[in-house]
N, C-alpha and C. Protein backbone atom coordinates (compact mmCIF):
# COMPACT_ATOMS: atom_id res chain seq x y z
N MET A 1 -17.70 -17.74 -1.51
CA MET A 1 -18.02 -16.47 -2.75
C MET A 1 -16.27 -15.26 -1.24
N LEU A 2 -15.08 -15.36 -2.59
CA LEU A 2 -14.78 -14.32 -1.66
C LEU A 2 -15.63 -13.60 -1.48
N ARG A 3 -15.96 -12.09 -1.95
CA ARG A 3 -16.17 -10.81 -1.77
C ARG A 3 -16.58 -11.12 -0.19
N ALA A 4 -17.84 -11.88 -0.40
CA ALA A 4 -19.01 -11.76 1.60
C ALA A 4 -18.16 -11.95 2.49
N ARG A 5 -17.01 -13.38 1.78
CA ARG A 5 -16.33 -13.41 3.14
C ARG A 5 -14.81 -12.58 3.72
N LEU A 6 -14.68 -11.59 2.21
CA LEU A 6 -14.50 -10.08 3.26
C LEU A 6 -15.25 -9.56 2.91
N ARG A 7 -16.04 -8.74 2.73
CA ARG A 7 -16.77 -8.27 3.26
C ARG A 7 -16.80 -7.71 4.57
N ASN A 8 -16.17 -7.67 5.80
CA ASN A 8 -15.48 -7.22 7.23
C ASN A 8 -13.63 -6.50 6.35
N VAL A 9 -13.42 -6.57 5.35
CA VAL A 9 -12.48 -5.66 5.43
C VAL A 9 -12.75 -4.74 5.09
N TYR A 10 -12.00 -3.82 5.21
CA TYR A 10 -11.63 -2.79 4.44
C TYR A 10 -10.13 -1.94 4.73
N TRP A 11 -9.98 -1.34 3.43
CA TRP A 11 -9.16 -1.42 2.84
C TRP A 11 -8.37 -0.18 2.01
N ILE A 12 -6.91 0.10 2.65
CA ILE A 12 -6.21 1.38 2.17
C ILE A 12 -4.77 1.04 0.86
N GLY A 13 -5.27 0.99 -0.07
CA GLY A 13 -3.50 0.74 -0.45
C GLY A 13 -2.85 2.72 -1.25
N GLY A 14 -2.16 3.26 -1.90
CA GLY A 14 -1.86 3.92 -2.02
C GLY A 14 -0.40 3.44 -2.28
N GLY A 15 0.11 5.10 -2.56
CA GLY A 15 1.76 5.04 -2.67
C GLY A 15 2.04 5.88 -0.98
N SER A 16 4.16 5.10 -1.24
CA SER A 16 4.52 5.51 -0.41
C SER A 16 5.43 7.35 0.31
N GLY A 17 4.62 6.63 1.37
CA GLY A 17 4.92 7.93 2.24
C GLY A 17 2.97 9.26 2.00
N GLY A 18 2.13 7.92 1.83
CA GLY A 18 0.54 7.96 1.91
C GLY A 18 -0.11 8.87 3.26
N GLY A 19 0.75 8.46 4.14
CA GLY A 19 -0.09 7.95 5.43
C GLY A 19 -0.64 6.42 5.60
N LYS A 20 -0.48 5.24 5.08
CA LYS A 20 -2.11 4.52 5.34
C LYS A 20 -1.34 3.25 6.34
N SER A 21 -0.53 4.30 6.82
CA SER A 21 -0.50 3.19 7.98
C SER A 21 -0.70 3.84 8.95
N ALA A 22 -0.25 4.81 9.43
CA ALA A 22 -1.15 6.30 10.48
C ALA A 22 -2.48 6.08 10.41
N ILE A 23 -3.12 6.11 9.04
CA ILE A 23 -4.42 6.15 9.68
C ILE A 23 -5.35 4.78 10.00
N ALA A 24 -5.11 3.36 8.94
CA ALA A 24 -5.45 2.43 9.47
C ALA A 24 -4.81 1.83 10.93
N ARG A 25 -4.01 2.74 12.05
CA ARG A 25 -3.88 2.91 12.64
C ARG A 25 -4.83 3.33 14.48
N ARG A 26 -5.51 4.38 13.86
CA ARG A 26 -6.15 5.44 14.67
C ARG A 26 -7.63 4.68 14.38
N LEU A 27 -8.36 4.97 13.03
CA LEU A 27 -9.16 3.52 12.07
C LEU A 27 -9.28 2.33 13.25
N ALA A 28 -9.02 2.03 13.49
CA ALA A 28 -8.05 0.34 14.12
C ALA A 28 -8.65 0.60 15.57
N ALA A 29 -7.39 2.01 16.25
CA ALA A 29 -8.30 2.29 17.57
C ALA A 29 -9.18 2.52 18.00
N THR A 30 -10.33 3.24 16.43
CA THR A 30 -10.91 4.50 17.28
C THR A 30 -12.90 3.79 16.87
N TYR A 31 -12.53 2.27 15.69
CA TYR A 31 -13.45 1.77 16.02
C TYR A 31 -13.68 0.50 15.65
N GLY A 32 -13.23 -0.23 16.53
CA GLY A 32 -12.57 -1.50 17.34
C GLY A 32 -12.11 -1.98 16.49
N LEU A 33 -11.63 -1.73 15.29
CA LEU A 33 -11.13 -3.01 13.91
C LEU A 33 -9.54 -3.62 14.39
N SER A 34 -9.50 -4.17 13.51
CA SER A 34 -8.15 -4.38 14.51
C SER A 34 -7.37 -4.49 13.22
N VAL A 35 -5.91 -4.12 12.80
CA VAL A 35 -5.13 -3.62 12.08
C VAL A 35 -4.35 -4.62 10.75
N TYR A 36 -4.15 -4.80 9.48
CA TYR A 36 -3.04 -5.50 9.08
C TYR A 36 -1.88 -5.29 7.57
N ALA A 37 -0.40 -5.33 7.99
CA ALA A 37 0.06 -3.85 7.95
C ALA A 37 0.38 -5.36 6.31
N THR A 38 -0.10 -5.07 5.31
CA THR A 38 1.63 -5.62 4.71
C THR A 38 2.66 -5.60 4.16
N ASP A 39 2.73 -4.57 4.49
CA ASP A 39 4.61 -4.40 4.80
C ASP A 39 4.63 -4.74 6.09
N ASP A 40 4.41 -5.54 6.87
CA ASP A 40 4.94 -5.68 8.02
C ASP A 40 4.60 -7.63 7.34
N VAL A 41 4.30 -8.26 6.39
CA VAL A 41 4.49 -9.62 6.20
C VAL A 41 5.09 -9.56 4.60
N MET A 42 5.74 -9.00 4.39
CA MET A 42 6.34 -9.17 3.61
C MET A 42 7.49 -10.21 3.52
N LEU A 43 8.96 -9.75 4.70
CA LEU A 43 9.46 -11.45 4.80
C LEU A 43 8.74 -12.48 4.85
N ASP A 44 7.86 -12.27 5.40
CA ASP A 44 6.34 -14.05 5.26
C ASP A 44 6.45 -14.24 4.52
N HIS A 45 4.83 -13.26 3.57
CA HIS A 45 4.76 -13.37 2.26
C HIS A 45 6.64 -14.11 1.16
N ALA A 46 8.27 -13.85 1.23
CA ALA A 46 8.80 -13.96 0.38
C ALA A 46 9.27 -14.69 0.27
N ARG A 47 9.42 -16.14 1.64
CA ARG A 47 9.81 -17.03 2.19
C ARG A 47 8.76 -17.47 2.19
N ARG A 48 7.06 -17.71 1.54
CA ARG A 48 5.40 -18.61 1.63
C ARG A 48 6.16 -18.78 -0.23
N SER A 49 7.26 -17.59 -0.62
CA SER A 49 6.92 -16.95 -2.67
C SER A 49 7.63 -18.88 -3.03
N THR A 50 7.11 -19.43 -4.34
CA THR A 50 8.46 -19.47 -4.99
C THR A 50 9.05 -18.83 -5.47
N PRO A 51 9.94 -19.50 -7.55
CA PRO A 51 10.40 -19.11 -8.17
C PRO A 51 8.75 -18.96 -9.17
N GLY A 52 8.28 -19.75 -8.43
CA GLY A 52 7.25 -19.81 -9.70
C GLY A 52 6.03 -19.30 -9.77
N ASP A 53 5.67 -18.39 -8.87
CA ASP A 53 4.71 -17.90 -8.20
C ASP A 53 5.11 -16.22 -8.06
N ALA A 54 6.33 -16.09 -8.31
CA ALA A 54 6.80 -15.38 -7.53
C ALA A 54 8.56 -14.78 -8.64
N PRO A 55 8.16 -14.64 -10.02
CA PRO A 55 9.69 -15.20 -10.74
C PRO A 55 10.96 -13.52 -10.69
N GLU A 56 9.51 -12.33 -11.34
CA GLU A 56 10.47 -10.74 -10.23
C GLU A 56 10.54 -10.70 -8.51
N LEU A 57 10.12 -11.81 -7.90
CA LEU A 57 10.78 -11.57 -5.85
C LEU A 57 11.98 -12.01 -6.16
N ALA A 58 12.48 -13.80 -7.02
CA ALA A 58 13.31 -13.69 -6.70
C ALA A 58 14.10 -13.54 -8.12
N ARG A 59 13.99 -13.12 -8.56
CA ARG A 59 15.29 -11.75 -9.55
C ARG A 59 15.81 -10.70 -8.85
N PHE A 60 15.04 -10.15 -7.76
CA PHE A 60 14.70 -9.63 -7.39
C PHE A 60 16.39 -9.50 -5.91
N MET A 61 15.83 -10.92 -4.98
CA MET A 61 16.21 -11.70 -4.26
C MET A 61 17.41 -11.76 -4.09
N GLU A 62 18.08 -11.67 -5.99
CA GLU A 62 18.94 -12.55 -6.32
C GLU A 62 20.77 -11.23 -6.64
N MET A 63 19.76 -9.57 -6.56
CA MET A 63 20.39 -8.94 -6.79
C MET A 63 20.97 -7.89 -5.53
N GLY A 64 22.17 -7.18 -5.83
CA GLY A 64 21.87 -5.64 -5.02
C GLY A 64 21.53 -5.09 -5.45
N MET A 65 22.47 -4.22 -3.87
CA MET A 65 22.25 -2.90 -3.38
C MET A 65 22.01 -2.34 -4.12
N ASP A 66 23.03 -1.30 -5.74
CA ASP A 66 23.61 -1.58 -6.55
C ASP A 66 23.48 -1.55 -7.92
N GLU A 67 22.58 -2.86 -8.05
CA GLU A 67 21.93 -3.94 -9.28
C GLU A 67 20.42 -3.51 -9.04
N ARG A 68 20.19 -3.07 -7.57
CA ARG A 68 18.18 -2.79 -7.31
C ARG A 68 18.11 -1.77 -7.42
N TRP A 69 19.34 -0.48 -6.92
CA TRP A 69 18.44 0.73 -7.29
C TRP A 69 19.10 1.65 -7.23
N VAL A 70 20.46 0.85 -8.14
CA VAL A 70 21.88 1.84 -8.81
C VAL A 70 21.98 1.74 -10.15
N ASN A 71 21.82 1.45 -11.12
CA ASN A 71 22.73 0.25 -11.87
C ASN A 71 20.96 0.39 -13.46
N ARG A 72 19.80 0.66 -12.19
CA ARG A 72 18.30 -0.40 -13.39
C ARG A 72 18.06 1.59 -13.18
N SER A 73 17.63 1.70 -14.22
CA SER A 73 16.77 2.82 -14.59
C SER A 73 15.19 3.48 -13.71
N PRO A 74 14.53 4.66 -13.55
CA PRO A 74 13.27 4.10 -12.42
C PRO A 74 11.72 3.21 -13.58
N ASP A 75 11.95 3.08 -15.11
CA ASP A 75 10.94 2.62 -14.66
C ASP A 75 11.42 1.74 -15.04
N THR A 76 12.53 0.95 -15.39
CA THR A 76 12.72 -0.24 -15.26
C THR A 76 12.07 -0.97 -13.64
N MET A 77 12.80 0.24 -12.64
CA MET A 77 11.91 -0.74 -11.20
C MET A 77 11.18 -0.10 -11.22
N LEU A 78 10.27 0.08 -11.52
CA LEU A 78 8.63 0.02 -11.77
C LEU A 78 8.28 -1.34 -11.76
N ASP A 79 8.61 -1.22 -13.46
CA ASP A 79 8.22 -1.73 -14.60
C ASP A 79 8.86 -3.51 -13.88
N THR A 80 9.33 -3.83 -12.91
CA THR A 80 9.67 -4.89 -12.10
C THR A 80 9.37 -5.50 -11.07
N PHE A 81 9.32 -4.67 -9.92
CA PHE A 81 10.00 -4.64 -8.54
C PHE A 81 7.88 -5.47 -8.41
N HIS A 82 8.44 -6.62 -8.09
CA HIS A 82 7.31 -7.42 -8.04
C HIS A 82 5.72 -7.82 -6.77
N TRP A 83 6.17 -5.96 -5.93
CA TRP A 83 4.64 -5.62 -5.42
C TRP A 83 4.19 -5.08 -6.06
N TYR A 84 4.71 -4.35 -7.35
CA TYR A 84 3.78 -4.21 -7.70
C TYR A 84 3.45 -4.48 -8.54
N ARG A 85 4.13 -5.74 -9.20
CA ARG A 85 3.43 -6.72 -10.45
C ARG A 85 2.48 -7.68 -9.69
N GLY A 86 1.75 -7.50 -8.65
CA GLY A 86 1.05 -8.18 -7.04
C GLY A 86 1.33 -9.63 -6.57
N GLU A 87 2.84 -9.95 -7.57
CA GLU A 87 3.34 -11.11 -6.60
C GLU A 87 2.29 -11.23 -5.10
N GLY A 88 2.79 -12.43 -5.09
CA GLY A 88 1.87 -12.63 -2.91
C GLY A 88 0.73 -11.39 -2.52
N PHE A 89 0.21 -11.35 -3.90
CA PHE A 89 -1.30 -10.51 -3.20
C PHE A 89 -1.81 -12.00 -2.86
N ALA A 90 -1.64 -13.28 -4.01
CA ALA A 90 -3.27 -14.51 -3.28
C ALA A 90 -2.43 -14.58 -1.69
N LEU A 91 -1.55 -14.44 -1.05
CA LEU A 91 -0.30 -14.72 0.30
C LEU A 91 -1.44 -12.99 1.38
N ILE A 92 -2.21 -12.18 0.62
CA ILE A 92 -2.41 -11.68 1.48
C ILE A 92 -3.48 -11.34 1.78
N VAL A 93 -4.27 -13.04 0.59
CA VAL A 93 -5.90 -12.21 0.77
C VAL A 93 -5.81 -13.79 1.83
N GLU A 94 -5.09 -15.22 1.26
CA GLU A 94 -4.72 -16.10 2.52
C GLU A 94 -5.59 -15.36 4.47
N ASP A 95 -4.47 -14.80 4.11
CA ASP A 95 -3.92 -13.92 5.96
C ASP A 95 -5.48 -13.44 6.34
N LEU A 96 -5.76 -12.92 5.06
CA LEU A 96 -7.23 -12.11 5.64
C LEU A 96 -8.75 -12.05 5.73
N LEU A 97 -8.39 -13.53 5.42
CA LEU A 97 -9.86 -14.80 5.12
C LEU A 97 -10.12 -14.74 6.41
N ARG A 98 -8.67 -15.43 6.97
CA ARG A 98 -8.58 -16.01 8.29
C ARG A 98 -8.79 -15.23 9.71
N LEU A 99 -8.22 -13.61 9.10
CA LEU A 99 -8.12 -12.06 10.55
C LEU A 99 -9.41 -12.06 10.16
N SER A 100 -10.41 -11.95 9.09
CA SER A 100 -12.16 -11.08 8.89
C SER A 100 -13.01 -12.05 9.78
N ALA A 101 -12.15 -12.85 9.85
CA ALA A 101 -14.11 -14.29 10.44
C ALA A 101 -14.48 -14.05 11.92
N ASP A 102 -13.62 -12.43 11.90
CA ASP A 102 -13.45 -12.97 13.73
C ASP A 102 -13.70 -11.16 13.79
N GLY A 103 -13.44 -10.69 12.44
CA GLY A 103 -14.21 -8.37 12.98
C GLY A 103 -13.78 -8.28 12.54
N GLY A 104 -14.02 -6.38 12.30
CA GLY A 104 -13.77 -5.75 10.66
C GLY A 104 -12.28 -5.83 11.15
N VAL A 105 -11.52 -5.43 9.97
CA VAL A 105 -9.77 -5.24 9.59
C VAL A 105 -10.16 -4.27 8.58
N VAL A 106 -8.72 -3.79 9.41
CA VAL A 106 -8.33 -3.18 8.14
C VAL A 106 -6.51 -3.04 7.26
N ALA A 107 -7.11 -3.38 5.84
CA ALA A 107 -5.89 -3.52 5.35
C ALA A 107 -5.04 -2.82 5.00
N GLU A 108 -3.89 -2.18 4.64
CA GLU A 108 -3.18 -1.01 4.53
C GLU A 108 -1.61 -1.45 4.17
N GLY A 109 -1.58 -1.24 2.86
CA GLY A 109 -0.02 -1.41 1.57
C GLY A 109 -0.07 -0.81 0.49
N PHE A 110 1.14 -0.43 0.32
CA PHE A 110 1.06 0.07 -1.39
C PHE A 110 1.04 -1.61 -2.15
N ARG A 111 0.62 -2.80 -1.46
CA ARG A 111 0.59 -3.82 -2.53
C ARG A 111 -0.90 -4.23 -2.47
N LEU A 112 -1.66 -3.23 -1.77
CA LEU A 112 -3.62 -3.38 -2.28
C LEU A 112 -3.49 -2.57 -3.99
N LEU A 113 -3.17 -3.33 -4.39
CA LEU A 113 -4.19 -2.02 -5.87
C LEU A 113 -4.59 -2.97 -6.34
N PRO A 114 -5.45 -1.58 -7.89
CA PRO A 114 -6.41 -1.09 -7.26
C PRO A 114 -7.51 -1.78 -8.61
N HIS A 115 -6.43 -3.00 -9.25
CA HIS A 115 -6.77 -4.80 -9.66
C HIS A 115 -7.66 -5.20 -9.26
N LEU A 116 -5.92 -5.43 -7.98
CA LEU A 116 -6.52 -6.53 -8.07
C LEU A 116 -7.33 -6.88 -6.28
N VAL A 117 -7.35 -5.03 -5.71
CA VAL A 117 -8.87 -5.52 -5.05
C VAL A 117 -10.04 -5.67 -5.02
N GLU A 118 -10.49 -4.50 -5.72
CA GLU A 118 -11.31 -3.96 -6.55
C GLU A 118 -13.02 -5.40 -6.49
N PRO A 119 -12.14 -6.36 -7.81
CA PRO A 119 -13.41 -8.01 -7.47
C PRO A 119 -13.46 -8.55 -5.93
N LEU A 120 -12.59 -8.30 -4.78
CA LEU A 120 -12.45 -8.09 -3.40
C LEU A 120 -13.96 -7.57 -2.32
N LEU A 121 -14.29 -6.28 -3.22
CA LEU A 121 -15.31 -5.54 -2.49
C LEU A 121 -16.64 -6.14 -3.33
N GLU A 122 -17.17 -5.84 -1.85
CA GLU A 122 -18.90 -6.61 -1.69
C GLU A 122 -19.30 -5.66 -1.58
N ASP A 123 -18.06 -4.39 -1.15
CA ASP A 123 -19.33 -3.03 -1.27
C ASP A 123 -17.42 -1.55 -1.08
N ARG A 124 -18.19 -0.71 -2.40
CA ARG A 124 -17.06 -0.29 -2.81
C ARG A 124 -16.56 0.77 -2.53
N ASN A 125 -17.16 1.33 -1.24
CA ASN A 125 -16.69 2.12 -0.11
C ASN A 125 -16.70 1.66 1.21
N HIS A 126 -15.79 0.83 0.43
CA HIS A 126 -14.85 -0.18 1.53
C HIS A 126 -13.18 0.34 1.42
N ALA A 127 -13.73 0.32 0.46
CA ALA A 127 -12.29 0.76 0.18
C ALA A 127 -11.56 2.40 -0.80
N VAL A 128 -10.77 2.54 -0.33
CA VAL A 128 -9.40 3.41 -0.77
C VAL A 128 -8.09 3.57 -1.06
N TRP A 129 -7.40 4.91 -1.28
CA TRP A 129 -6.03 5.24 -2.47
C TRP A 129 -5.77 6.39 -1.69
N LEU A 130 -4.81 6.18 -1.77
CA LEU A 130 -4.39 7.98 -0.52
C LEU A 130 -2.68 7.81 -1.83
N LEU A 131 -2.80 8.91 -2.22
CA LEU A 131 -1.87 10.00 -3.81
C LEU A 131 -1.72 10.76 -3.22
N PRO A 132 -0.18 10.59 -2.26
CA PRO A 132 0.66 11.87 -2.29
C PRO A 132 0.94 11.87 -4.14
N THR A 133 1.78 13.75 -3.62
CA THR A 133 2.38 14.38 -4.41
C THR A 133 3.95 14.16 -4.28
N PRO A 134 4.33 13.95 -5.08
CA PRO A 134 5.61 14.18 -5.25
C PRO A 134 7.06 15.20 -3.65
N ARG A 135 5.88 16.07 -3.74
CA ARG A 135 6.30 16.66 -2.34
C ARG A 135 5.22 16.87 -0.86
N PHE A 136 5.32 15.83 -0.85
CA PHE A 136 3.76 15.49 0.16
C PHE A 136 4.60 14.47 0.71
N ARG A 137 5.77 12.96 -0.23
CA ARG A 137 5.73 12.33 0.01
C ARG A 137 6.91 12.47 0.95
N TRP A 138 7.60 13.45 -0.08
CA TRP A 138 9.02 14.22 0.90
C TRP A 138 9.43 14.54 2.59
N ALA A 139 8.04 15.30 2.90
CA ALA A 139 8.02 15.69 4.03
C ALA A 139 7.54 14.23 4.91
N ALA A 140 6.90 13.61 4.05
CA ALA A 140 6.32 12.40 5.03
C ALA A 140 7.48 11.78 5.12
N PHE A 141 8.27 11.57 4.11
CA PHE A 141 9.97 10.57 4.25
C PHE A 141 11.04 11.31 6.40
N ASN A 142 11.04 12.26 5.45
CA ASN A 142 11.93 13.25 6.85
C ASN A 142 10.96 13.38 8.03
N SER A 143 9.87 13.06 7.80
CA SER A 143 9.16 13.61 9.14
C SER A 143 9.90 12.26 9.85
N ARG A 144 9.73 10.78 9.60
CA ARG A 144 10.07 9.84 10.45
C ARG A 144 11.02 9.56 9.89
N GLY A 145 12.09 10.50 9.33
CA GLY A 145 13.51 10.04 9.21
C GLY A 145 14.41 9.12 8.67
N THR A 146 13.51 8.48 7.65
CA THR A 146 13.28 7.39 6.91
C THR A 146 13.94 7.65 5.46
N ALA A 147 13.80 9.18 4.73
CA ALA A 147 14.67 9.59 4.16
C ALA A 147 15.30 9.17 3.38
N TRP A 148 16.54 8.48 3.77
CA TRP A 148 17.46 7.76 3.05
C TRP A 148 17.88 6.75 3.35
N ASP A 149 16.86 5.91 3.72
CA ASP A 149 17.57 5.00 5.26
C ASP A 149 17.37 3.03 3.31
N ILE A 150 17.35 3.77 2.40
CA ILE A 150 17.66 2.05 1.22
C ILE A 150 18.99 2.90 0.45
N ALA A 151 18.81 3.96 -0.01
CA ALA A 151 20.22 4.95 -0.40
C ALA A 151 21.67 4.76 -0.18
N ASN A 152 21.34 5.03 1.62
CA ASN A 152 22.11 5.23 2.64
C ASN A 152 23.18 4.05 2.60
N ARG A 153 22.02 2.45 1.47
CA ARG A 153 23.04 1.42 1.65
C ARG A 153 23.72 1.00 0.34
N THR A 154 23.67 2.23 -0.91
CA THR A 154 23.63 1.64 -2.23
C THR A 154 25.16 3.19 -2.68
N SER A 155 26.52 2.20 -2.76
CA SER A 155 27.86 2.67 -3.60
C SER A 155 26.90 4.22 -3.89
N ASP A 156 26.04 4.29 -3.89
CA ASP A 156 25.33 6.19 -4.75
C ASP A 156 24.03 6.82 -4.59
N PRO A 157 24.31 7.30 -3.11
CA PRO A 157 22.95 7.29 -2.39
C PRO A 157 22.27 8.63 -3.05
N GLU A 158 22.69 8.77 -3.20
CA GLU A 158 22.52 10.43 -4.64
C GLU A 158 21.09 9.92 -5.48
N ARG A 159 22.12 9.37 -6.26
CA ARG A 159 21.53 9.13 -7.59
C ARG A 159 20.29 7.23 -7.73
N ALA A 160 21.13 7.06 -6.74
CA ALA A 160 20.13 5.05 -6.21
C ALA A 160 18.77 6.91 -4.56
N GLN A 161 18.33 7.75 -5.11
CA GLN A 161 17.32 8.65 -4.27
C GLN A 161 16.95 9.41 -4.95
N ARG A 162 17.23 9.47 -6.23
CA ARG A 162 16.63 10.11 -6.87
C ARG A 162 16.02 9.24 -8.18
N ASN A 163 16.37 7.50 -8.55
CA ASN A 163 15.93 6.53 -8.67
C ASN A 163 14.73 6.32 -8.16
N LEU A 164 13.78 6.08 -6.89
CA LEU A 164 13.69 5.76 -5.81
C LEU A 164 12.30 6.86 -5.72
N LEU A 165 13.14 7.20 -5.76
CA LEU A 165 12.11 9.24 -5.54
C LEU A 165 11.27 9.54 -7.03
N GLU A 166 11.74 9.29 -8.47
CA GLU A 166 10.85 8.96 -9.34
C GLU A 166 9.85 7.54 -9.23
N ARG A 167 10.79 6.95 -9.21
CA ARG A 167 9.64 5.65 -8.84
C ARG A 167 8.86 5.22 -8.24
N ASP A 168 8.99 5.99 -6.75
CA ASP A 168 7.54 6.55 -6.29
C ASP A 168 6.30 6.81 -7.49
N ARG A 169 6.54 8.26 -7.69
CA ARG A 169 6.66 9.46 -8.13
C ARG A 169 5.64 8.15 -9.93
N MET A 170 5.92 7.11 -10.20
CA MET A 170 5.37 7.58 -11.26
C MET A 170 4.14 6.04 -11.07
N PHE A 171 5.25 4.98 -9.72
CA PHE A 171 4.07 3.50 -9.60
C PHE A 171 2.56 5.14 -8.71
N THR A 172 2.66 6.30 -7.72
CA THR A 172 2.09 7.05 -7.47
C THR A 172 1.15 7.34 -9.26
N ASP A 173 1.24 7.83 -10.01
CA ASP A 173 0.87 8.08 -10.66
C ASP A 173 0.28 6.57 -11.64
N ARG A 174 0.06 6.15 -11.81
CA ARG A 174 -0.28 4.50 -12.11
C ARG A 174 -1.68 4.68 -11.27
N LEU A 175 -1.54 4.58 -9.76
CA LEU A 175 -2.44 4.29 -8.86
C LEU A 175 -3.15 5.43 -9.25
N VAL A 176 -3.58 7.00 -9.47
CA VAL A 176 -4.31 7.52 -10.08
C VAL A 176 -5.10 6.84 -11.07
N ALA A 177 -4.39 6.60 -12.50
CA ALA A 177 -4.80 6.39 -13.05
C ALA A 177 -5.41 5.49 -13.42
N GLU A 178 -5.01 4.21 -12.90
CA GLU A 178 -6.11 3.13 -12.28
C GLU A 178 -7.34 3.57 -11.29
N THR A 179 -7.27 3.94 -10.32
CA THR A 179 -7.98 4.76 -9.50
C THR A 179 -9.44 5.23 -10.77
N ARG A 180 -9.56 6.09 -11.44
CA ARG A 180 -9.52 6.61 -11.78
C ARG A 180 -10.74 5.74 -12.59
N ARG A 181 -9.92 4.44 -13.70
CA ARG A 181 -10.48 3.77 -14.51
C ARG A 181 -11.17 3.11 -13.83
N LEU A 182 -11.60 2.61 -12.54
CA LEU A 182 -11.79 1.61 -11.99
C LEU A 182 -13.04 2.60 -11.38
N GLY A 183 -12.89 3.30 -11.09
CA GLY A 183 -14.22 4.46 -10.22
C GLY A 183 -14.59 4.17 -9.17
N LEU A 184 -13.16 4.06 -8.49
CA LEU A 184 -12.88 3.68 -7.01
C LEU A 184 -12.01 4.84 -6.33
N PRO A 185 -12.71 4.85 -4.70
CA PRO A 185 -12.92 6.14 -3.98
C PRO A 185 -10.80 6.36 -4.05
N ALA A 186 -10.48 7.54 -4.13
CA ALA A 186 -9.45 8.54 -3.76
C ALA A 186 -9.20 9.21 -3.27
N VAL A 187 -7.71 9.53 -2.30
CA VAL A 187 -8.45 10.86 -2.26
C VAL A 187 -6.59 10.88 -2.35
N GLU A 188 -6.08 12.35 -3.20
CA GLU A 188 -5.17 13.70 -3.85
C GLU A 188 -4.20 14.36 -2.79
N LEU A 189 -2.77 14.11 -2.53
CA LEU A 189 -2.92 14.41 -1.28
C LEU A 189 -1.70 15.72 -1.85
N ASP A 190 -1.91 16.24 -1.36
CA ASP A 190 -0.34 17.80 -1.57
C ASP A 190 -0.35 18.30 -0.45
N THR A 191 -1.22 19.47 0.78
CA THR A 191 -0.93 19.19 1.75
C THR A 191 -2.12 18.85 2.81
N MET A 192 -1.77 18.36 3.30
CA MET A 192 -3.96 17.71 4.21
C MET A 192 -2.69 17.59 5.68
N SER A 193 -3.47 17.70 7.22
CA SER A 193 -3.08 17.40 8.52
C SER A 193 -3.38 15.98 8.47
N GLU A 194 -2.91 14.80 9.10
CA GLU A 194 -3.38 13.27 9.27
C GLU A 194 -5.32 13.33 9.62
N ASP A 195 -5.23 14.73 10.42
CA ASP A 195 -6.71 14.38 11.77
C ASP A 195 -7.25 15.04 10.51
N VAL A 196 -7.36 15.61 9.49
CA VAL A 196 -8.55 16.15 7.76
C VAL A 196 -8.10 14.42 6.92
N LEU A 197 -7.44 14.30 6.94
CA LEU A 197 -7.28 12.73 6.15
C LEU A 197 -7.82 11.52 7.18
N PHE A 198 -7.41 11.46 8.19
CA PHE A 198 -8.67 10.10 9.83
C PHE A 198 -9.50 10.76 9.18
N ARG A 199 -10.20 11.55 8.65
CA ARG A 199 -11.47 12.64 8.94
C ARG A 199 -12.74 11.49 7.54
N ILE A 200 -11.66 12.43 6.44
CA ILE A 200 -12.48 11.85 4.78
C ILE A 200 -12.40 10.22 4.63
N VAL A 201 -10.71 9.33 5.49
CA VAL A 201 -11.05 7.69 5.30
C VAL A 201 -12.21 7.27 5.32
N ALA A 202 -12.39 8.13 7.65
CA ALA A 202 -13.81 7.24 8.15
C ALA A 202 -14.58 8.08 7.57
N GLU A 203 -15.29 8.96 7.14
CA GLU A 203 -17.39 9.03 6.80
C GLU A 203 -16.64 8.43 5.50
N LYS A 204 -15.56 8.27 4.18
CA LYS A 204 -15.47 7.84 3.23
C LYS A 204 -16.03 5.69 3.24
N PHE A 205 -15.41 5.19 5.06
CA PHE A 205 -15.79 4.07 5.07
C PHE A 205 -17.21 3.91 5.83
N ALA A 206 -17.93 5.17 6.44
CA ALA A 206 -19.08 5.64 6.91
C ALA A 206 -19.08 4.98 8.57
N LEU A 207 -17.35 5.11 8.91
CA LEU A 207 -17.63 4.83 9.87
C LEU A 207 -18.42 3.93 11.43
N GLU A 208 -18.85 5.55 10.98
CA GLU A 208 -19.12 6.62 11.82
C GLU A 208 -20.99 5.80 13.02
N ARG A 209 -21.36 5.80 11.50
CA ARG A 209 -22.51 4.80 11.29
C ARG A 209 -22.74 3.83 11.76
N ALA A 210 -21.59 2.64 11.22
CA ALA A 210 -21.12 1.78 11.42
C ALA A 210 -21.90 1.26 12.64
N SER A 211 -20.21 2.00 13.13
CA SER A 211 -20.07 2.20 14.88
C SER A 211 -21.54 2.35 15.74
N THR A 212 -22.70 3.14 15.67
CA THR A 212 -23.32 3.68 16.07
C THR A 212 -24.58 2.65 16.02
N SER A 213 -25.08 1.72 14.80
CA SER A 213 -25.68 0.76 14.48
C SER A 213 -25.02 0.02 14.75
N SER A 214 -24.05 -0.68 14.46
CA SER A 214 -23.91 -1.77 15.49
C SER A 214 -24.04 -2.42 17.13
């Protein structure tokens, strides 16, 4: 049973710029867990995928930067983006089955879609989605110095940036609706420090109690 085999996994999903990676690293360092960052394995998963398994990924890989980010509407970008459609999620599960056999794992990334994670939860308190407002997301990108990384690789950076920000806003709105529909834990972020968010997530996961009892 997958739920039982993945009982040692703590899932952190959510929109871009929500602090998933930073919180996952702090939880791992504080409570002796390992981190599985889904962003870090995207290239590997793309290589392991076939057009039959991931048709939107195959189409995306054939596009130039302008076709990806300038010439299409944010709605189209949202609806056809391969990772948002759950392509490659089975590879995430394969990876986690190997890792979780050796102990607790914090899995993090926007690819952890609520409707895909929910069937794998033995304990629904082992998952949370961090849902940033556009203001919170933009501040996070600016603080990292990555706000224009993708847009600057197109012929029209300003339009590409508008498209990307609108796509990300709509994706986060979709996550808000989905977590509410499924009754899954979520934290909506507007103004919140990393320390406060860390305490909230650790409390939701009951990690302090788990570390004390182990």
